[in-house]
Amino acid sequence: MSNKPELTDEGLDASYAVNSVNEFGDTIAGHIAAERALTIYLNKREIVTLMTLGTQPELLVLGWLRNQRLVQSVDEVRSIQVDWDVEAVAVTTHEAVNGLEDKLSKKTVTTGCGQGTVYGDMMDGLHKIKLPRVELKQSMIYGLLNTLSKHNEIYKKAGAVHGCALCRETQNMRFVEDVGRHNAVDAIAGYMWLHDMSGADKIFYTTGRLTSEMVIKVAQMGIPVLLSRSGATQMGYEIAKQLGVILISRAKGKHFLVYNGADQITFDEKPTKRFKSAS
């Protein structure tokens, strides 16, 4: 039987009510996105400080531990305790983390918004990832984009955030927004890990760039399709080819660009209007 960790429930509001003055000198009531520091302590050792909205801190930390490969199984985690009074989260594992010093000695600052940090060798162990080969229909991509257009609630209200979604066909299963896309993907990874959820039949959507970090994290989650309204980077493209991730960017309305996996897509709903290409 799975031994799930004990989690606090310390999610906070995603935005603050503030007044601003517009170009006419008028006072306007509105909202801005929250941004909070949360320092992770792993077995009483300070590891890193994340900047986050703070809406799902426990899942964010659990997913961060998974995607950093600091722990190999959710069963290794005894508890995750968030305390906003001290802006910290205490993570306790059942046993000492193997190779922690070596992993922490290697740090990569990524291109994520607010600059994400990856510990250890990003490329280590990628050869072990085996993703299923899946087939998609163009009409399904359009249906999913239509479904996702109803979300981005915090962005619509306050701006300054990225969104990520875990999807199955045209169904949005989990949508998370945060100040950086790396936080949003980690929160979804934590959710999947906690609920022992397979990624084989899932699609991952992000509003952010398709970078190496994003491709690697999604592949580690076992998800074979990565979709974004933004562009791709060269390293993200190369790793997607290496791992067999279907990489779709600039997806908005009826337009999209497939950088890898076009042979796995059935083009059954081609638009009558051609769109100007974007890289």
Protein backbone atom coordinates (compact mmCIF):
# COMPACT_ATOMS: atom_id res chain seq x y z
CA MET A 1 0.00 0.00 0.00
CA SER A 2 1.27 3.45 -0.90
CA ASN A 3 2.49 5.52 2.04
CA LYS A 4 1.44 9.05 1.09
CA PRO A 5 3.19 11.99 2.78
CA GLU A 6 1.47 14.23 5.30
CA LEU A 7 0.74 17.61 3.71
CA THR A 8 -0.37 20.89 5.17
CA ASP A 9 -3.04 22.91 3.34
CA GLU A 10 -1.60 26.42 3.28
CA GLY A 11 -2.63 27.76 -0.12
CA LEU A 12 -3.06 31.54 -0.28
CA ASP A 13 -4.96 33.92 -2.54
CA ALA A 14 -3.36 34.39 -5.95
CA SER A 15 -3.83 38.15 -6.24
CA TYR A 16 -3.94 41.39 -4.25
CA ALA A 17 -6.52 44.14 -4.63
CA VAL A 18 -4.79 47.43 -5.41
CA ASN A 19 -5.55 50.83 -6.91
CA SER A 20 -3.69 52.27 -9.89
CA VAL A 21 -3.88 55.49 -11.86
CA ASN A 22 -4.37 55.31 -15.62
CA GLU A 23 -3.20 57.61 -18.41
CA PHE A 24 -6.15 59.94 -17.80
CA GLY A 25 -5.29 60.38 -14.13
CA ASP A 26 -8.26 58.26 -13.05
CA THR A 27 -7.98 55.93 -10.06
CA ILE A 28 -8.75 52.35 -11.10
CA ALA A 29 -9.47 49.47 -8.71
CA GLY A 30 -7.85 46.25 -9.83
CA HIS A 31 -5.60 43.32 -8.91
CA ILE A 32 -1.96 42.35 -9.18
CA ALA A 33 -0.49 38.84 -9.00
CA ALA A 34 0.91 37.72 -5.67
CA GLU A 35 4.62 36.89 -5.44
CA ARG A 36 5.92 35.16 -2.33
CA ALA A 37 9.23 33.66 -1.30
CA LEU A 38 9.13 30.05 -0.09
CA THR A 39 12.39 28.49 1.12
CA ILE A 40 12.62 24.70 0.96
CA TYR A 41 14.33 22.90 3.82
CA LEU A 42 15.00 19.23 3.13
CA ASN A 43 15.66 17.30 6.34
CA LYS A 44 16.54 20.64 8.00
CA ARG A 45 18.97 21.62 5.24
CA GLU A 46 18.21 24.81 3.28
CA ILE A 47 18.00 23.92 -0.41
CA VAL A 48 16.48 26.72 -2.48
CA THR A 49 14.03 29.64 -2.37
CA LEU A 50 11.16 29.57 -4.86
CA MET A 51 9.19 32.65 -5.89
CA THR A 52 5.55 31.62 -6.22
CA LEU A 53 1.93 32.73 -6.10
CA GLY A 54 1.57 30.39 -3.15
CA THR A 55 -1.76 28.89 -4.15
CA GLN A 56 -0.63 25.22 -4.06
CA PRO A 57 2.67 25.24 -2.16
CA GLU A 58 2.62 21.61 -1.03
CA LEU A 59 2.09 20.23 -4.54
CA LEU A 60 4.64 22.70 -5.91
CA VAL A 61 7.31 21.43 -3.50
CA LEU A 62 6.45 17.77 -4.07
CA GLY A 63 6.67 18.23 -7.84
CA TRP A 64 9.89 20.22 -7.51
CA LEU A 65 11.47 17.35 -5.57
CA ARG A 66 10.35 14.91 -8.26
CA ASN A 67 11.54 16.96 -11.22
CA GLN A 68 14.87 17.68 -9.55
CA ARG A 69 15.19 13.93 -8.94
CA LEU A 70 16.16 14.57 -5.34
CA VAL A 71 13.76 11.82 -4.27
CA GLN A 72 12.84 8.82 -6.42
CA SER A 73 9.42 7.92 -4.99
CA VAL A 74 6.60 9.80 -3.30
CA ASP A 75 6.72 7.09 -0.61
CA GLU A 76 10.13 8.40 0.48
CA VAL A 77 8.56 11.66 1.66
CA ARG A 78 7.27 11.64 5.23
CA SER A 79 5.79 15.15 5.33
CA ILE A 80 5.68 18.59 3.70
CA GLN A 81 4.89 21.37 6.17
CA VAL A 82 4.41 24.94 4.89
CA ASP A 83 4.67 27.89 7.31
CA TRP A 84 4.08 31.27 5.67
CA ASP A 85 4.94 33.12 8.88
CA VAL A 86 8.58 32.24 8.24
CA GLU A 87 8.18 31.83 4.45
CA ALA A 88 9.50 28.28 4.61
CA VAL A 89 8.52 24.69 3.97
CA ALA A 90 9.97 21.76 5.92
CA VAL A 91 10.31 18.54 3.93
CA THR A 92 11.08 15.39 5.89
CA THR A 93 11.93 12.08 4.28
CA HIS A 94 11.81 8.65 5.90
CA GLU A 95 15.52 8.13 5.23
CA ALA A 96 18.47 10.30 4.24
CA VAL A 97 18.52 11.37 0.57
CA ASN A 98 21.21 9.46 -1.31
CA GLY A 99 23.75 11.55 -3.21
CA LEU A 100 22.28 14.86 -2.04
CA GLU A 101 25.62 16.64 -1.76
CA ASP A 102 26.65 15.65 -5.27
CA LYS A 103 23.32 16.75 -6.75
CA LEU A 104 23.41 20.11 -4.99
CA SER A 105 26.94 20.76 -6.17
CA LYS A 106 25.71 20.96 -9.77
CA LYS A 107 23.36 23.87 -10.40
CA THR A 108 21.94 25.24 -13.65
CA VAL A 109 20.07 28.55 -13.76
CA THR A 110 17.42 28.06 -16.44
CA THR A 111 15.62 30.46 -18.76
CA GLY A 112 12.38 30.17 -16.81
CA CYS A 113 10.55 33.34 -15.79
CA GLY A 114 12.14 34.57 -12.59
CA GLN A 115 14.96 32.14 -13.40
CA GLY A 116 14.39 28.55 -12.40
CA THR A 117 17.12 26.40 -10.93
CA VAL A 118 17.87 22.79 -11.81
CA TYR A 119 20.16 20.73 -9.56
CA GLY A 120 22.31 17.91 -10.86
CA ASP A 121 23.08 17.10 -14.50
CA MET A 122 20.02 17.99 -16.58
CA MET A 123 20.86 15.34 -19.18
CA ASP A 124 21.60 12.56 -16.72
CA GLY A 125 19.26 9.61 -17.08
CA LEU A 126 17.37 10.90 -20.15
CA HIS A 127 18.24 7.70 -22.03
CA LYS A 128 16.08 5.79 -19.54
CA ILE A 129 12.92 7.70 -20.48
CA LYS A 130 10.64 5.68 -22.77
CA LEU A 131 7.59 7.59 -24.01
CA PRO A 132 4.68 5.93 -25.82
CA ARG A 133 4.12 6.74 -29.48
CA VAL A 134 0.72 8.41 -29.76
CA GLU A 135 -1.46 9.69 -32.61
CA LEU A 136 -3.26 13.04 -32.57
CA LYS A 137 -5.91 14.63 -34.74
CA GLN A 138 -5.75 18.28 -35.76
CA SER A 139 -9.41 18.64 -34.77
CA MET A 140 -8.57 17.42 -31.25
CA ILE A 141 -5.83 20.07 -30.92
CA TYR A 142 -8.35 22.75 -31.86
CA GLY A 143 -10.89 21.35 -29.39
CA LEU A 144 -8.33 21.39 -26.60
CA LEU A 145 -7.26 24.97 -27.36
CA ASN A 146 -10.91 26.01 -27.24
CA THR A 147 -11.32 24.33 -23.85
CA LEU A 148 -8.17 25.97 -22.45
CA SER A 149 -9.23 29.43 -23.63
CA LYS A 150 -11.76 29.44 -20.78
CA HIS A 151 -8.95 29.29 -18.19
CA ASN A 152 -6.00 31.59 -17.37
CA GLU A 153 -8.20 33.09 -14.65
CA ILE A 154 -5.42 34.78 -12.68
CA TYR A 155 -3.82 36.12 -15.85
CA LYS A 156 -7.14 37.63 -16.94
CA LYS A 157 -7.58 39.17 -13.50
CA ALA A 158 -4.08 40.33 -12.63
CA GLY A 159 -1.62 39.39 -15.39
CA ALA A 160 2.06 38.59 -14.70
CA VAL A 161 1.64 34.78 -14.54
CA HIS A 162 2.10 31.68 -16.68
CA GLY A 163 -0.33 28.79 -16.90
CA CYS A 164 0.13 25.03 -17.39
CA ALA A 165 -2.50 22.36 -17.91
CA LEU A 166 -2.64 18.58 -17.72
CA CYS A 167 -5.03 17.37 -20.41
CA ARG A 168 -6.51 14.21 -21.89
CA GLU A 169 -7.74 14.69 -25.46
CA THR A 170 -9.94 17.83 -25.27
CA GLN A 171 -10.42 17.61 -21.48
CA ASN A 172 -8.56 19.91 -19.08
CA MET A 173 -7.78 17.79 -16.02
CA ARG A 174 -5.70 20.27 -14.02
CA PHE A 175 -4.85 23.92 -14.67
CA VAL A 176 -2.23 25.72 -12.58
CA GLU A 177 -1.00 29.30 -12.79
CA ASP A 178 2.12 30.70 -11.13
CA VAL A 179 4.65 33.49 -11.55
CA GLY A 180 6.93 31.13 -13.49
CA ARG A 181 6.11 28.26 -15.80
CA HIS A 182 8.59 26.01 -13.98
CA ASN A 183 6.51 26.40 -10.80
CA ALA A 184 3.27 25.59 -12.62
CA VAL A 185 4.70 22.43 -14.18
CA ASP A 186 6.14 21.33 -10.82
CA ALA A 187 2.74 21.75 -9.12
CA ILE A 188 1.15 19.52 -11.75
CA ALA A 189 3.98 16.99 -11.38
CA GLY A 190 3.31 16.93 -7.63
CA TYR A 191 -0.39 16.36 -8.25
CA MET A 192 0.31 13.47 -10.62
CA TRP A 193 2.84 11.92 -8.25
CA LEU A 194 0.56 12.19 -5.23
CA HIS A 195 -2.28 10.49 -7.12
CA ASP A 196 -0.09 7.91 -8.89
CA MET A 197 -1.26 9.21 -12.28
CA SER A 198 0.21 7.99 -15.57
CA GLY A 199 1.18 10.53 -18.21
CA ALA A 200 1.01 8.10 -21.15
CA ASP A 201 -2.38 9.30 -22.42
CA LYS A 202 -1.93 12.96 -21.44
CA ILE A 203 -1.08 16.23 -23.20
CA PHE A 204 0.79 19.01 -21.41
CA TYR A 205 -0.03 22.63 -22.23
CA THR A 206 1.97 25.68 -21.24
CA THR A 207 1.73 29.37 -22.00
CA GLY A 208 5.52 29.64 -21.78
CA ARG A 209 8.44 28.82 -24.04
CA LEU A 210 9.31 25.23 -24.91
CA THR A 211 12.79 25.18 -23.39
CA SER A 212 15.02 22.24 -22.53
CA GLU A 213 13.84 22.42 -18.92
CA MET A 214 10.19 22.22 -19.94
CA VAL A 215 10.72 19.31 -22.35
CA ILE A 216 12.76 17.34 -19.81
CA LYS A 217 10.24 17.85 -17.00
CA VAL A 218 7.29 16.81 -19.16
CA ALA A 219 9.19 13.74 -20.41
CA GLN A 220 10.06 12.78 -16.82
CA MET A 221 6.32 12.90 -16.09
CA GLY A 222 5.81 10.36 -18.89
CA ILE A 223 3.80 12.76 -21.07
CA PRO A 224 4.42 12.38 -24.83
CA VAL A 225 2.84 15.63 -26.11
CA LEU A 226 3.89 19.20 -25.27
CA LEU A 227 1.78 22.10 -26.54
CA SER A 228 2.38 25.83 -26.14
CA ARG A 229 1.09 29.17 -27.37
CA SER A 230 4.71 30.39 -27.25
CA GLY A 231 7.85 29.44 -29.19
CA ALA A 232 10.53 26.77 -28.85
CA THR A 233 14.27 26.95 -28.19
CA GLN A 234 16.93 24.99 -30.05
CA MET A 235 17.82 22.83 -27.05
CA GLY A 236 14.14 22.16 -26.32
CA TYR A 237 13.72 21.07 -29.95
CA GLU A 238 16.79 18.81 -29.91
CA ILE A 239 15.75 17.09 -26.67
CA ALA A 240 12.18 16.63 -27.95
CA LYS A 241 13.61 14.82 -31.00
CA GLN A 242 15.85 12.70 -28.80
CA LEU A 243 13.03 11.65 -26.44
CA GLY A 244 10.19 11.45 -28.96
CA VAL A 245 8.11 14.28 -27.52
CA ILE A 246 5.55 15.72 -29.95
CA LEU A 247 6.43 19.42 -29.84
CA ILE A 248 3.75 21.91 -30.89
CA SER A 249 4.27 25.65 -30.51
CA ARG A 250 2.58 28.95 -31.44
CA ALA A 251 -0.76 27.21 -30.83
CA LYS A 252 -3.48 29.83 -30.79
CA GLY A 253 -6.80 29.88 -32.56
CA LYS A 254 -6.40 27.77 -35.72
CA HIS A 255 -2.63 28.23 -35.98
CA PHE A 256 0.13 25.96 -34.70
CA LEU A 257 3.64 24.82 -35.65
CA VAL A 258 4.75 21.20 -35.16
CA TYR A 259 8.51 21.01 -34.65
CA ASN A 260 8.63 17.30 -33.85
CA GLY A 261 6.14 14.49 -34.41
CA ALA A 262 4.21 15.85 -37.42
CA ASP A 263 4.00 12.28 -38.77
CA GLN A 264 1.90 11.39 -35.71
CA ILE A 265 -0.76 14.02 -36.46
CA THR A 266 -3.72 13.55 -38.77
CA PHE A 267 -4.51 16.87 -40.45
CA ASP A 268 -8.29 16.45 -40.58
CA GLU A 269 -9.38 20.07 -40.14
CA LYS A 270 -7.13 22.28 -42.23
CA PRO A 271 -8.11 25.99 -42.08
CA THR A 272 -9.13 27.76 -45.26
CA LYS A 273 -7.03 30.79 -44.30
CA ARG A 274 -3.23 30.57 -44.22
CA PHE A 275 -1.36 32.11 -41.31
CA LYS A 276 1.95 33.93 -41.37
CA SER A 277 4.65 31.64 -40.05
CA ALA A 278 6.36 32.43 -36.74
CA SER A 279 9.36 30.75 -35.20
